[in-house]
């Protein structure tokens, strides 16, 4: 029973330790490794694009993880490492890019598209309301040809 509980505990821990970082990538210094993981969680995998380099199994993500760890072991600060990666790959490599004119489309584009869609719907509904208001409210009498066709259709329906 005790062995089963220990096994269940270890299985429950698997998601917490699962990740793309391979044992051969890890730094011997736990403090540097923790810093590297924190930086890696902020950097986007350029192949997967919705994962950090810490989560991605792509070869480029591995290269970036190794680059971050190499620069940290050379004595660079976290900000220097981030700045180097951004200089090399642009703001897109950050999972949370800074708000500046070159990234406004990333930050405000979705809200702008939603706003334009809402304005389009309002204009459409306003046009429909005007069209309904402009439509004649009285029944238009049938002309002689329409009356003849209606009488023929009704007679045909009664004979069935």
C-alpha atoms as a PDB file:
ATOM      1  CA  UNK A   1       0.000   0.000   0.000  1.00  0.00           C
ATOM      2  CA  UNK A   2       2.835   2.350   0.890  1.00  0.00           C
ATOM      3  CA  UNK A   3       4.614   1.632  -2.397  1.00  0.00           C
ATOM      4  CA  UNK A   4       1.421   2.385  -4.318  1.00  0.00           C
ATOM      5  CA  UNK A   5       1.064   5.744  -2.553  1.00  0.00           C
ATOM      6  CA  UNK A   6       4.683   6.637  -3.350  1.00  0.00           C
ATOM      7  CA  UNK A   7       4.186   5.694  -7.011  1.00  0.00           C
ATOM      8  CA  UNK A   8       0.983   7.739  -7.216  1.00  0.00           C
ATOM      9  CA  UNK A   9       2.811  10.712  -5.693  1.00  0.00           C
ATOM     10  CA  UNK A  10       5.611  10.458  -8.267  1.00  0.00           C
ATOM     11  CA  UNK A  11       3.132  10.202 -11.130  1.00  0.00           C
ATOM     12  CA  UNK A  12       1.342  13.290  -9.819  1.00  0.00           C
ATOM     13  CA  UNK A  13       4.641  15.185  -9.871  1.00  0.00           C
ATOM     14  CA  UNK A  14       5.401  14.339 -13.509  1.00  0.00           C
ATOM     15  CA  UNK A  15       3.515  17.309 -15.024  1.00  0.00           C
ATOM     16  CA  UNK A  16       5.398  19.665 -12.718  1.00  0.00           C
ATOM     17  CA  UNK A  17       8.794  18.417 -13.857  1.00  0.00           C
ATOM     18  CA  UNK A  18       7.867  17.726 -17.467  1.00  0.00           C
ATOM     19  CA  UNK A  19       9.311  20.183 -19.908  1.00  0.00           C
ATOM     20  CA  UNK A  20      11.531  20.409 -22.908  1.00  0.00           C
ATOM     21  CA  UNK A  21      14.753  21.149 -21.034  1.00  0.00           C
ATOM     22  CA  UNK A  22      17.007  18.138 -21.375  1.00  0.00           C
ATOM     23  CA  UNK A  23      19.370  17.026 -18.602  1.00  0.00           C
ATOM     24  CA  UNK A  24      22.407  17.830 -20.742  1.00  0.00           C
ATOM     25  CA  UNK A  25      21.224  21.461 -21.027  1.00  0.00           C
ATOM     26  CA  UNK A  26      20.901  22.086 -17.288  1.00  0.00           C
ATOM     27  CA  UNK A  27      23.466  24.158 -15.481  1.00  0.00           C
ATOM     28  CA  UNK A  28      25.269  22.758 -12.446  1.00  0.00           C
ATOM     29  CA  UNK A  29      24.584  25.924 -10.440  1.00  0.00           C
ATOM     30  CA  UNK A  30      20.925  25.782  -9.265  1.00  0.00           C
ATOM     31  CA  UNK A  31      20.714  29.589  -9.009  1.00  0.00           C
ATOM     32  CA  UNK A  32      21.889  30.072 -12.609  1.00  0.00           C
ATOM     33  CA  UNK A  33      19.566  27.300 -13.789  1.00  0.00           C
ATOM     34  CA  UNK A  34      16.613  28.994 -12.069  1.00  0.00           C
ATOM     35  CA  UNK A  35      17.510  32.305 -13.749  1.00  0.00           C
ATOM     36  CA  UNK A  36      17.820  30.570 -17.109  1.00  0.00           C
ATOM     37  CA  UNK A  37      14.392  28.975 -16.701  1.00  0.00           C
ATOM     38  CA  UNK A  38      12.830  32.304 -15.715  1.00  0.00           C
ATOM     39  CA  UNK A  39      14.277  33.958 -18.819  1.00  0.00           C
ATOM     40  CA  UNK A  40      13.249  30.989 -20.978  1.00  0.00           C
ATOM     41  CA  UNK A  41       9.634  31.279 -19.820  1.00  0.00           C
ATOM     42  CA  UNK A  42       9.545  34.827 -21.235  1.00  0.00           C
ATOM     43  CA  UNK A  43      10.958  33.903 -24.661  1.00  0.00           C
ATOM     44  CA  UNK A  44       8.774  32.615 -27.488  1.00  0.00           C
ATOM     45  CA  UNK A  45       9.743  29.566 -29.484  1.00  0.00           C
ATOM     46  CA  UNK A  46      10.087  30.945 -33.001  1.00  0.00           C
ATOM     47  CA  UNK A  47       8.991  27.619 -34.484  1.00  0.00           C
ATOM     48  CA  UNK A  48       5.987  26.827 -32.262  1.00  0.00           C
ATOM     49  CA  UNK A  49       5.108  30.481 -31.538  1.00  0.00           C
ATOM     50  CA  UNK A  50       2.632  29.686 -28.757  1.00  0.00           C
ATOM     51  CA  UNK A  51       5.144  28.068 -26.428  1.00  0.00           C
ATOM     52  CA  UNK A  52       8.048  29.382 -24.474  1.00  0.00           C
ATOM     53  CA  UNK A  53      11.472  27.990 -25.263  1.00  0.00           C
ATOM     54  CA  UNK A  54      11.281  26.140 -21.938  1.00  0.00           C
ATOM     55  CA  UNK A  55       8.224  24.181 -23.123  1.00  0.00           C
ATOM     56  CA  UNK A  56       9.166  23.624 -26.757  1.00  0.00           C
ATOM     57  CA  UNK A  57      10.923  20.580 -28.154  1.00  0.00           C
ATOM     58  CA  UNK A  58      11.935  22.382 -31.364  1.00  0.00           C
ATOM     59  CA  UNK A  59      15.627  22.412 -32.234  1.00  0.00           C
ATOM     60  CA  UNK A  60      15.670  26.222 -32.397  1.00  0.00           C
ATOM     61  CA  UNK A  61      14.183  26.399 -28.887  1.00  0.00           C
ATOM     62  CA  UNK A  62      16.982  24.116 -27.679  1.00  0.00           C
ATOM     63  CA  UNK A  63      19.546  26.401 -29.323  1.00  0.00           C
ATOM     64  CA  UNK A  64      17.998  29.416 -27.594  1.00  0.00           C
ATOM     65  CA  UNK A  65      17.981  27.630 -24.230  1.00  0.00           C
ATOM     66  CA  UNK A  66      21.670  26.824 -24.664  1.00  0.00           C
ATOM     67  CA  UNK A  67      22.397  30.414 -25.734  1.00  0.00           C
ATOM     68  CA  UNK A  68      20.658  31.807 -22.627  1.00  0.00           C
ATOM     69  CA  UNK A  69      22.577  29.442 -20.355  1.00  0.00           C
ATOM     70  CA  UNK A  70      25.887  30.194 -22.082  1.00  0.00           C
ATOM     71  CA  UNK A  71      25.459  33.947 -21.670  1.00  0.00           C
ATOM     72  CA  UNK A  72      24.455  33.548 -18.014  1.00  0.00           C
ATOM     73  CA  UNK A  73      27.579  31.492 -17.306  1.00  0.00           C
ATOM     74  CA  UNK A  74      29.602  34.292 -18.914  1.00  0.00           C
ATOM     75  CA  UNK A  75      28.330  36.588 -16.162  1.00  0.00           C
ATOM     76  CA  UNK A  76      25.651  38.555 -17.999  1.00  0.00           C
ATOM     77  CA  UNK A  77      22.599  39.824 -16.133  1.00  0.00           C
ATOM     78  CA  UNK A  78      19.093  38.652 -16.971  1.00  0.00           C
ATOM     79  CA  UNK A  79      18.376  41.979 -18.702  1.00  0.00           C
ATOM     80  CA  UNK A  80      21.553  41.712 -20.795  1.00  0.00           C
ATOM     81  CA  UNK A  81      20.625  38.200 -21.917  1.00  0.00           C
ATOM     82  CA  UNK A  82      17.058  39.291 -22.823  1.00  0.00           C
ATOM     83  CA  UNK A  83      18.416  42.348 -24.660  1.00  0.00           C
ATOM     84  CA  UNK A  84      20.817  40.187 -26.665  1.00  0.00           C
ATOM     85  CA  UNK A  85      18.063  37.779 -27.735  1.00  0.00           C
ATOM     86  CA  UNK A  86      15.705  40.662 -28.615  1.00  0.00           C
ATOM     87  CA  UNK A  87      18.461  42.392 -30.589  1.00  0.00           C
ATOM     88  CA  UNK A  88      19.040  39.190 -32.528  1.00  0.00           C
ATOM     89  CA  UNK A  89      15.398  38.118 -33.106  1.00  0.00           C
ATOM     90  CA  UNK A  90      13.312  41.261 -32.516  1.00  0.00           C
ATOM     91  CA  UNK A  91      10.466  41.954 -30.096  1.00  0.00           C
ATOM     92  CA  UNK A  92       8.503  39.014 -31.537  1.00  0.00           C
ATOM     93  CA  UNK A  93      10.698  36.631 -29.526  1.00  0.00           C
ATOM     94  CA  UNK A  94       9.178  38.003 -26.305  1.00  0.00           C
ATOM     95  CA  UNK A  95       5.946  36.380 -25.155  1.00  0.00           C
ATOM     96  CA  UNK A  96       4.964  39.805 -23.771  1.00  0.00           C
ATOM     97  CA  UNK A  97       6.399  42.366 -26.201  1.00  0.00           C
ATOM     98  CA  UNK A  98       6.759  45.962 -24.939  1.00  0.00           C
ATOM     99  CA  UNK A  99       4.122  48.548 -25.832  1.00  0.00           C
ATOM    100  CA  UNK A 100       5.767  50.872 -28.354  1.00  0.00           C
ATOM    101  CA  UNK A 101       4.845  52.173 -31.810  1.00  0.00           C
ATOM    102  CA  UNK A 102       6.302  49.158 -33.609  1.00  0.00           C
ATOM    103  CA  UNK A 103       4.188  46.744 -31.503  1.00  0.00           C
ATOM    104  CA  UNK A 104       0.947  48.736 -31.332  1.00  0.00           C
ATOM    105  CA  UNK A 105      -0.614  46.446 -33.923  1.00  0.00           C
ATOM    106  CA  UNK A 106       0.032  43.467 -31.630  1.00  0.00           C
ATOM    107  CA  UNK A 107      -1.488  45.192 -28.626  1.00  0.00           C
ATOM    108  CA  UNK A 108      -4.330  47.206 -30.137  1.00  0.00           C
ATOM    109  CA  UNK A 109      -5.046  45.382 -33.413  1.00  0.00           C
ATOM    110  CA  UNK A 110      -7.555  42.868 -32.004  1.00  0.00           C
ATOM    111  CA  UNK A 111      -9.505  45.602 -30.198  1.00  0.00           C
ATOM    112  CA  UNK A 112      -9.476  47.722 -33.372  1.00  0.00           C
ATOM    113  CA  UNK A 113     -10.798  44.850 -35.467  1.00  0.00           C
ATOM    114  CA  UNK A 114     -13.535  44.193 -32.909  1.00  0.00           C
ATOM    115  CA  UNK A 115     -14.456  47.891 -32.879  1.00  0.00           C
ATOM    116  CA  UNK A 116     -14.605  48.056 -36.689  1.00  0.00           C
ATOM    117  CA  UNK A 117     -16.764  44.925 -36.746  1.00  0.00           C
ATOM    118  CA  UNK A 118     -19.155  46.466 -34.205  1.00  0.00           C
ATOM    119  CA  UNK A 119     -19.415  49.676 -36.238  1.00  0.00           C
ATOM    120  CA  UNK A 120     -20.092  47.582 -39.360  1.00  0.00           C
ATOM    121  CA  UNK A 121     -22.893  45.688 -37.619  1.00  0.00           C
ATOM    122  CA  UNK A 122     -24.445  48.937 -36.358  1.00  0.00           C
ATOM    123  CA  UNK A 123     -24.332  50.488 -39.839  1.00  0.00           C
ATOM    124  CA  UNK A 124     -25.888  47.360 -41.333  1.00  0.00           C
ATOM    125  CA  UNK A 125     -28.712  47.345 -38.755  1.00  0.00           C
ATOM    126  CA  UNK A 126     -29.334  51.074 -39.262  1.00  0.00           C
ATOM    127  CA  UNK A 127     -29.584  50.507 -43.030  1.00  0.00           C
ATOM    128  CA  UNK A 128     -32.023  47.649 -42.511  1.00  0.00           C
ATOM    129  CA  UNK A 129     -34.168  49.803 -40.229  1.00  0.00           C
ATOM    130  CA  UNK A 130     -34.281  52.569 -42.845  1.00  0.00           C
ATOM    131  CA  UNK A 131     -35.166  50.050 -45.564  1.00  0.00           C
ATOM    132  CA  UNK A 132     -38.009  48.662 -43.482  1.00  0.00           C
ATOM    133  CA  UNK A 133     -39.241  52.173 -42.679  1.00  0.00           C
ATOM    134  CA  UNK A 134     -39.151  53.130 -46.369  1.00  0.00           C
ATOM    135  CA  UNK A 135     -41.093  50.036 -47.453  1.00  0.00           C
ATOM    136  CA  UNK A 136     -44.779  50.629 -48.211  1.00  0.00           C
ATOM    137  CA  UNK A 137     -47.029  49.784 -45.299  1.00  0.00           C
ATOM    138  CA  UNK A 138     -50.200  49.455 -47.332  1.00  0.00           C
ATOM    139  CA  UNK A 139     -50.976  46.512 -49.520  1.00  0.00           C
ATOM    140  CA  UNK A 140     -50.516  47.324 -53.195  1.00  0.00           C
ATOM    141  CA  UNK A 141     -53.507  46.159 -55.238  1.00  0.00           C
ATOM    142  CA  UNK A 142     -52.899  43.473 -57.843  1.00  0.00           C
ATOM    143  CA  UNK A 143     -53.044  44.456 -61.485  1.00  0.00           C
ATOM    144  CA  UNK A 144     -55.308  42.586 -63.915  1.00  0.00           C
ATOM    145  CA  UNK A 145     -52.660  40.054 -64.993  1.00  0.00           C
ATOM    146  CA  UNK A 146     -51.743  39.220 -61.357  1.00  0.00           C
ATOM    147  CA  UNK A 147     -55.426  38.791 -60.472  1.00  0.00           C
ATOM    148  CA  UNK A 148     -55.921  36.404 -63.430  1.00  0.00           C
ATOM    149  CA  UNK A 149     -52.867  34.286 -62.406  1.00  0.00           C
ATOM    150  CA  UNK A 150     -54.004  34.195 -58.759  1.00  0.00           C
ATOM    151  CA  UNK A 151     -57.497  33.049 -59.775  1.00  0.00           C
ATOM    152  CA  UNK A 152     -55.980  30.310 -61.957  1.00  0.00           C
ATOM    153  CA  UNK A 153     -53.717  29.077 -59.134  1.00  0.00           C
ATOM    154  CA  UNK A 154     -56.575  29.018 -56.645  1.00  0.00           C
ATOM    155  CA  UNK A 155     -58.823  27.149 -59.057  1.00  0.00           C
ATOM    156  CA  UNK A 156     -56.036  24.643 -59.665  1.00  0.00           C
ATOM    157  CA  UNK A 157     -55.581  24.202 -55.887  1.00  0.00           C
ATOM    158  CA  UNK A 158     -59.329  23.595 -55.346  1.00  0.00           C
ATOM    159  CA  UNK A 159     -59.433  20.898 -58.003  1.00  0.00           C
ATOM    160  CA  UNK A 160     -56.789  18.780 -56.282  1.00  0.00           C
END
